[in-house]
């Protein structure tokens, strides 16, 4: 997906120049809020997570009882939805039908959850939550707004490296040499 007029496309490898780096995501968010308050165009700002890794936190042991319990809760929620649609929408249906649909939802949820657990229990006997984290977060801004962004965050201009001084040493292997004078045909150096 490319946005028209955007300085960089979402998901592109190049997302501007880094103006600040933070170890916590909420600090990067606060920096972005300061940039937007300083009239840096929001479309020219990106938060880039670097050093990504996934963390799986084990939340408990799975068993038939835990599978039945979670299935009953999910089935109850599904039963409430169906009961609200079918039973409460019709005034001639008795309230016992509402309770019956709730119990039916719980039973179906439990059975499906137990069946799924029976299929995967040999490969996985624990419950977990997956989370994506980063080592640090860089706030990047497109080149057109970099000065305004640095001023808003109070970041000094990055020093530019000085060009290398010319050397009288002969070129190293693999170094590109640009001739200063064109060679004259038929003339050889000694």
Protein backbone atom coordinates (compact mmCIF):
# COMPACT_ATOMS: atom_id res chain seq x y z
CA UNK A 1 0.00 0.00 0.00
CA UNK A 2 1.55 3.28 -1.07
CA UNK A 3 0.18 6.60 0.09
CA UNK A 4 0.23 9.36 -2.49
CA UNK A 5 2.44 12.25 -1.52
CA UNK A 6 3.95 10.40 1.45
CA UNK A 7 7.71 10.87 1.96
CA UNK A 8 8.13 7.14 2.59
CA UNK A 9 5.82 4.24 2.03
CA UNK A 10 4.51 2.31 5.06
CA UNK A 11 6.60 -0.78 5.67
CA UNK A 12 9.48 0.44 3.54
CA UNK A 13 13.01 -0.24 4.70
CA UNK A 14 13.93 3.44 4.60
CA UNK A 15 11.85 5.47 7.03
CA UNK A 16 13.75 8.74 7.25
CA UNK A 17 16.66 9.84 9.42
CA UNK A 18 16.89 8.97 13.12
CA UNK A 19 16.44 12.00 15.39
CA UNK A 20 16.15 10.17 18.73
CA UNK A 21 16.43 6.67 20.18
CA UNK A 22 14.65 5.31 23.27
CA UNK A 23 14.69 2.06 25.23
CA UNK A 24 10.95 2.25 26.02
CA UNK A 25 8.15 2.55 23.48
CA UNK A 26 6.13 5.03 25.57
CA UNK A 27 9.07 7.49 25.55
CA UNK A 28 9.20 7.25 21.75
CA UNK A 29 5.44 7.97 21.66
CA UNK A 30 5.94 11.09 23.80
CA UNK A 31 8.67 12.29 21.43
CA UNK A 32 6.31 11.83 18.48
CA UNK A 33 3.65 13.85 20.33
CA UNK A 34 6.18 16.67 20.80
CA UNK A 35 7.08 16.55 17.10
CA UNK A 36 3.43 16.78 16.06
CA UNK A 37 2.90 19.66 18.51
CA UNK A 38 5.85 21.42 16.82
CA UNK A 39 4.07 21.14 13.45
CA UNK A 40 6.24 18.36 12.02
CA UNK A 41 3.90 16.60 9.55
CA UNK A 42 2.69 13.33 11.08
CA UNK A 43 3.09 11.50 7.75
CA UNK A 44 6.83 12.21 7.91
CA UNK A 45 7.36 10.56 11.32
CA UNK A 46 7.99 6.88 12.03
CA UNK A 47 8.80 4.81 15.12
CA UNK A 48 11.11 1.95 14.17
CA UNK A 49 11.70 -0.92 16.59
CA UNK A 50 15.22 -2.33 16.34
CA UNK A 51 16.48 -5.63 17.72
CA UNK A 52 13.11 -7.37 17.49
CA UNK A 53 12.48 -10.67 19.25
CA UNK A 54 9.44 -12.67 20.24
CA UNK A 55 8.83 -13.62 23.86
CA UNK A 56 6.44 -16.44 24.75
CA UNK A 57 5.27 -16.24 28.34
CA UNK A 58 3.90 -19.47 29.80
CA UNK A 59 0.68 -18.67 31.68
CA UNK A 60 -0.22 -22.10 32.99
CA UNK A 61 -0.54 -25.79 32.50
CA UNK A 62 -3.20 -27.17 30.21
CA UNK A 63 -5.37 -30.12 31.13
CA UNK A 64 -8.84 -31.39 30.43
CA UNK A 65 -10.29 -29.32 33.30
CA UNK A 66 -8.68 -26.07 32.06
CA UNK A 67 -9.79 -26.81 28.48
CA UNK A 68 -13.37 -27.48 29.64
CA UNK A 69 -13.42 -24.31 31.76
CA UNK A 70 -12.17 -22.03 28.95
CA UNK A 71 -14.52 -23.71 26.47
CA UNK A 72 -17.48 -23.16 28.81
CA UNK A 73 -16.66 -19.45 29.14
CA UNK A 74 -16.28 -19.02 25.38
CA UNK A 75 -19.47 -21.02 24.79
CA UNK A 76 -21.34 -18.90 27.34
CA UNK A 77 -20.36 -15.75 25.46
CA UNK A 78 -21.45 -17.30 22.19
CA UNK A 79 -24.71 -18.43 23.85
CA UNK A 80 -25.42 -14.89 25.05
CA UNK A 81 -24.99 -13.64 21.49
CA UNK A 82 -27.34 -16.24 20.02
CA UNK A 83 -29.86 -15.83 22.83
CA UNK A 84 -29.93 -12.07 22.32
CA UNK A 85 -30.50 -12.46 18.60
CA UNK A 86 -33.05 -15.30 18.56
CA UNK A 87 -34.85 -15.19 21.89
CA UNK A 88 -34.88 -11.57 23.03
CA UNK A 89 -35.84 -10.33 19.57
CA UNK A 90 -39.11 -12.29 19.75
CA UNK A 91 -41.49 -11.42 22.61
CA UNK A 92 -43.52 -14.65 22.31
CA UNK A 93 -40.57 -16.91 23.31
CA UNK A 94 -40.44 -17.76 27.06
CA UNK A 95 -37.39 -16.82 29.16
CA UNK A 96 -36.61 -20.52 29.64
CA UNK A 97 -35.56 -20.60 25.98
CA UNK A 98 -33.01 -17.84 26.75
CA UNK A 99 -31.48 -19.93 29.56
CA UNK A 100 -31.59 -23.03 27.37
CA UNK A 101 -29.64 -21.29 24.58
CA UNK A 102 -27.04 -20.18 27.16
CA UNK A 103 -26.57 -23.75 28.42
CA UNK A 104 -26.46 -25.08 24.88
CA UNK A 105 -23.72 -22.56 24.02
CA UNK A 106 -21.73 -23.60 27.11
CA UNK A 107 -22.04 -27.28 26.22
CA UNK A 108 -20.98 -26.77 22.60
CA UNK A 109 -18.05 -24.57 23.69
CA UNK A 110 -16.87 -27.18 26.22
CA UNK A 111 -17.11 -30.01 23.71
CA UNK A 112 -15.21 -28.14 21.01
CA UNK A 113 -12.51 -27.04 23.45
CA UNK A 114 -12.08 -30.58 24.82
CA UNK A 115 -11.88 -31.94 21.29
CA UNK A 116 -9.21 -29.40 20.29
CA UNK A 117 -7.21 -30.11 23.45
CA UNK A 118 -7.35 -33.85 22.79
CA UNK A 119 -5.91 -33.25 19.32
CA UNK A 120 -3.00 -31.02 20.41
CA UNK A 121 -2.19 -32.22 23.94
CA UNK A 122 0.75 -34.40 22.87
CA UNK A 123 2.47 -31.45 21.18
CA UNK A 124 1.61 -28.72 23.66
CA UNK A 125 0.52 -29.14 27.28
CA UNK A 126 0.80 -25.52 28.43
CA UNK A 127 -0.93 -22.19 27.76
CA UNK A 128 1.11 -19.16 26.73
CA UNK A 129 0.94 -15.63 25.40
CA UNK A 130 3.22 -14.47 22.55
CA UNK A 131 4.65 -10.95 22.61
CA UNK A 132 6.90 -9.03 20.19
CA UNK A 133 9.49 -6.75 21.84
CA UNK A 134 12.37 -4.53 20.67
CA UNK A 135 15.70 -3.58 22.21
CA UNK A 136 15.20 0.08 21.37
CA UNK A 137 12.91 2.37 19.37
CA UNK A 138 14.14 5.00 16.93
CA UNK A 139 12.07 8.06 16.06
CA UNK A 140 12.73 8.81 12.40
CA UNK A 141 11.72 11.82 10.35
CA UNK A 142 11.79 12.43 6.60
CA UNK A 143 14.67 14.57 5.34
CA UNK A 144 12.45 17.59 4.61
CA UNK A 145 11.52 18.08 8.28
CA UNK A 146 14.70 16.93 10.02
CA UNK A 147 15.81 20.39 11.23
CA UNK A 148 12.37 21.21 12.65
CA UNK A 149 12.28 17.81 14.38
CA UNK A 150 15.71 18.22 15.96
CA UNK A 151 14.77 21.68 17.21
CA UNK A 152 11.52 20.35 18.71
CA UNK A 153 13.33 17.56 20.57
CA UNK A 154 16.35 19.70 21.51
CA UNK A 155 18.75 17.42 19.65
CA UNK A 156 21.98 18.94 18.34
CA UNK A 157 22.73 18.74 14.63
CA UNK A 158 24.76 15.65 13.87
CA UNK A 159 28.34 16.56 12.96
CA UNK A 160 29.25 15.79 9.37
CA UNK A 161 32.44 13.79 8.89
CA UNK A 162 35.29 15.72 7.27
CA UNK A 163 36.35 14.53 3.84
CA UNK A 164 39.57 12.52 3.90
CA UNK A 165 42.73 14.51 3.30
CA UNK A 166 44.53 13.77 0.04
CA UNK A 167 47.38 11.38 0.50
CA UNK A 168 50.66 11.01 -1.36
CA UNK A 169 50.64 7.28 -0.67
CA UNK A 170 50.06 4.98 -3.65
CA UNK A 171 46.53 3.57 -3.98
CA UNK A 172 45.71 0.35 -2.15
CA UNK A 173 44.49 -2.76 -3.94
CA UNK A 174 40.81 -2.35 -4.90
CA UNK A 175 40.80 1.44 -4.34
CA UNK A 176 39.24 3.44 -7.16
CA UNK A 177 41.59 5.94 -8.75
CA UNK A 178 40.37 8.87 -10.80
CA UNK A 179 43.03 10.13 -13.19
CA UNK A 180 43.89 13.82 -12.88
CA UNK A 181 45.39 14.15 -16.36
CA UNK A 182 44.40 12.09 -19.36
CA UNK A 183 47.22 9.84 -20.52
CA UNK A 184 48.86 10.80 -23.79
CA UNK A 185 48.77 7.92 -26.32
CA UNK A 186 52.16 6.42 -27.08
CA UNK A 187 53.80 7.86 -23.97
CA UNK A 188 54.90 5.42 -21.26
CA UNK A 189 55.74 6.16 -17.67
CA UNK A 190 59.07 4.92 -16.40
